[in-house]
Amino acid sequence: MTNENTQANATAEPVMEMLSEHIPLSLIMDMASPDGPHSAELLASEGLPDDEWWKQD
C-alpha cells in the first residue's frame, strides 16, 4: 500500500465508524465542512427518516 492509500484509509476510518453508528451523512458533512451545505438543507432534500433519532423520549 502506498503512503497516499494509508493516509486515505486513516482519514476514512472515523467517517466509516460514524456511518456504522447510523450518524447521518448530513451531520458528518456539517462537521467536515462548517461553511455548508448545512444539514438542515440536506435533510430537507433527503427527507426525514422514520426514526427521528435526535429526539429524546
N, C-alpha and C. Protein backbone atom coordinates (compact mmCIF):
# COMPACT_ATOMS: atom_id res chain seq x y z
N MET A 1 0.84 -1.17 0.00
CA MET A 1 0.00 0.00 0.00
C MET A 1 0.89 1.24 0.00
N THR A 2 0.54 2.22 -0.78
CA THR A 2 1.33 3.44 -0.83
C THR A 2 1.00 4.32 0.36
N ASN A 3 1.83 5.31 0.59
CA ASN A 3 1.61 6.26 1.67
C ASN A 3 0.29 7.00 1.49
N GLU A 4 -0.05 7.34 0.23
CA GLU A 4 -1.32 8.02 -0.03
C GLU A 4 -2.50 7.14 0.34
N ASN A 5 -2.44 5.85 0.01
CA ASN A 5 -3.52 4.93 0.38
C ASN A 5 -3.65 4.81 1.89
N THR A 6 -2.53 4.76 2.58
CA THR A 6 -2.54 4.66 4.03
C THR A 6 -3.19 5.89 4.65
N GLN A 7 -2.84 7.06 4.13
CA GLN A 7 -3.44 8.31 4.63
C GLN A 7 -4.93 8.36 4.33
N ALA A 8 -5.34 7.93 3.15
CA ALA A 8 -6.76 7.93 2.79
C ALA A 8 -7.54 7.00 3.69
N ASN A 9 -7.00 5.81 3.98
CA ASN A 9 -7.67 4.87 4.87
C ASN A 9 -7.78 5.43 6.28
N ALA A 10 -6.74 6.08 6.76
CA ALA A 10 -6.76 6.67 8.10
C ALA A 10 -7.79 7.78 8.19
N THR A 11 -7.96 8.53 7.12
CA THR A 11 -8.94 9.61 7.09
C THR A 11 -10.36 9.05 7.00
N ALA A 12 -10.56 8.00 6.23
CA ALA A 12 -11.89 7.44 6.02
C ALA A 12 -12.39 6.63 7.22
N GLU A 13 -11.48 6.08 8.01
CA GLU A 13 -11.88 5.20 9.10
C GLU A 13 -12.85 5.86 10.09
N PRO A 14 -12.58 7.06 10.60
CA PRO A 14 -13.54 7.66 11.54
C PRO A 14 -14.91 7.91 10.90
N VAL A 15 -14.91 8.30 9.65
CA VAL A 15 -16.18 8.54 8.95
C VAL A 15 -16.96 7.24 8.82
N MET A 16 -16.29 6.17 8.46
CA MET A 16 -16.97 4.88 8.32
C MET A 16 -17.50 4.41 9.67
N GLU A 17 -16.76 4.67 10.75
CA GLU A 17 -17.24 4.31 12.09
C GLU A 17 -18.50 5.09 12.43
N MET A 18 -18.52 6.40 12.12
CA MET A 18 -19.72 7.19 12.39
C MET A 18 -20.90 6.70 11.57
N LEU A 19 -20.67 6.37 10.31
CA LEU A 19 -21.75 5.85 9.48
C LEU A 19 -22.27 4.52 10.01
N SER A 20 -21.38 3.68 10.52
CA SER A 20 -21.80 2.39 11.06
C SER A 20 -22.62 2.56 12.34
N GLU A 21 -22.46 3.71 13.01
CA GLU A 21 -23.26 4.02 14.20
C GLU A 21 -24.56 4.75 13.83
N HIS A 22 -24.83 4.83 12.53
CA HIS A 22 -26.06 5.44 11.99
C HIS A 22 -26.12 6.95 12.18
N ILE A 23 -24.96 7.58 12.25
CA ILE A 23 -24.93 9.04 12.26
C ILE A 23 -25.18 9.49 10.83
N PRO A 24 -26.16 10.35 10.62
CA PRO A 24 -26.49 10.76 9.25
C PRO A 24 -25.32 11.42 8.54
N LEU A 25 -25.21 11.11 7.27
CA LEU A 25 -24.16 11.70 6.46
C LEU A 25 -24.25 13.22 6.48
N SER A 26 -25.46 13.77 6.52
CA SER A 26 -25.61 15.22 6.55
C SER A 26 -24.96 15.83 7.79
N LEU A 27 -25.03 15.16 8.93
CA LEU A 27 -24.39 15.66 10.14
C LEU A 27 -22.87 15.56 10.01
N ILE A 28 -22.39 14.48 9.44
CA ILE A 28 -20.95 14.34 9.22
C ILE A 28 -20.47 15.44 8.29
N MET A 29 -21.27 15.76 7.29
CA MET A 29 -20.89 16.85 6.37
C MET A 29 -20.81 18.18 7.10
N ASP A 30 -21.74 18.43 8.04
CA ASP A 30 -21.68 19.65 8.85
C ASP A 30 -20.37 19.74 9.61
N MET A 31 -19.93 18.61 10.17
CA MET A 31 -18.70 18.61 10.94
C MET A 31 -17.48 18.78 10.04
N ALA A 32 -17.55 18.21 8.85
CA ALA A 32 -16.40 18.26 7.93
C ALA A 32 -16.30 19.59 7.21
N SER A 33 -17.43 20.21 6.93
CA SER A 33 -17.44 21.44 6.16
C SER A 33 -18.40 22.44 6.79
N PRO A 34 -17.98 23.16 7.84
CA PRO A 34 -18.88 24.06 8.54
C PRO A 34 -19.44 25.19 7.69
N ASP A 35 -18.84 25.45 6.54
CA ASP A 35 -19.33 26.53 5.67
C ASP A 35 -20.50 26.10 4.79
N GLY A 36 -20.89 24.85 4.87
CA GLY A 36 -22.07 24.40 4.13
C GLY A 36 -21.74 23.39 3.08
N PRO A 37 -22.72 22.75 2.49
CA PRO A 37 -24.15 22.93 2.80
C PRO A 37 -24.46 22.41 4.19
N HIS A 38 -25.49 22.97 4.81
CA HIS A 38 -25.83 22.64 6.18
C HIS A 38 -26.79 21.47 6.24
N SER A 39 -26.75 20.74 7.36
CA SER A 39 -27.55 19.52 7.49
C SER A 39 -29.03 19.78 7.32
N ALA A 40 -29.53 20.93 7.77
CA ALA A 40 -30.96 21.22 7.62
C ALA A 40 -31.34 21.25 6.14
N GLU A 41 -30.48 21.83 5.30
CA GLU A 41 -30.75 21.86 3.85
C GLU A 41 -30.67 20.45 3.27
N LEU A 42 -29.65 19.70 3.67
CA LEU A 42 -29.50 18.33 3.17
C LEU A 42 -30.66 17.45 3.63
N LEU A 43 -31.05 17.58 4.90
CA LEU A 43 -32.14 16.79 5.43
C LEU A 43 -33.44 17.09 4.70
N ALA A 44 -33.67 18.36 4.40
CA ALA A 44 -34.88 18.73 3.67
C ALA A 44 -34.90 18.09 2.29
N SER A 45 -33.74 18.01 1.64
CA SER A 45 -33.70 17.42 0.30
C SER A 45 -33.73 15.89 0.35
N GLU A 46 -33.21 15.29 1.46
CA GLU A 46 -33.18 13.84 1.59
C GLU A 46 -34.50 13.29 2.14
N GLY A 47 -35.22 14.12 2.88
CA GLY A 47 -36.44 13.67 3.54
C GLY A 47 -36.14 13.20 4.96
N LEU A 48 -37.11 13.37 5.84
CA LEU A 48 -36.94 12.96 7.22
C LEU A 48 -36.97 11.44 7.34
N PRO A 49 -36.14 10.88 8.22
CA PRO A 49 -36.16 9.43 8.44
C PRO A 49 -37.39 9.04 9.26
N ASP A 50 -37.77 7.77 9.21
CA ASP A 50 -38.89 7.28 10.01
C ASP A 50 -38.60 7.40 11.50
N ASP A 51 -37.36 7.13 11.89
CA ASP A 51 -36.95 7.20 13.29
C ASP A 51 -36.17 8.49 13.51
N GLU A 52 -36.78 9.45 14.19
CA GLU A 52 -36.11 10.72 14.47
C GLU A 52 -35.20 10.52 15.67
N TRP A 53 -33.98 10.00 15.41
CA TRP A 53 -33.05 9.61 16.45
C TRP A 53 -32.62 10.77 17.33
N TRP A 54 -32.74 12.00 16.84
CA TRP A 54 -32.27 13.15 17.59
C TRP A 54 -33.25 13.57 18.67
N LYS A 55 -34.47 13.06 18.65
CA LYS A 55 -35.47 13.41 19.66
C LYS A 55 -35.43 12.39 20.79
N GLN A 56 -35.30 12.91 22.01
CA GLN A 56 -35.28 12.04 23.20
C GLN A 56 -36.69 11.84 23.70
N ASP A 57 -37.00 10.65 24.19
CA ASP A 57 -38.31 10.38 24.77
C ASP A 57 -38.41 10.89 26.18
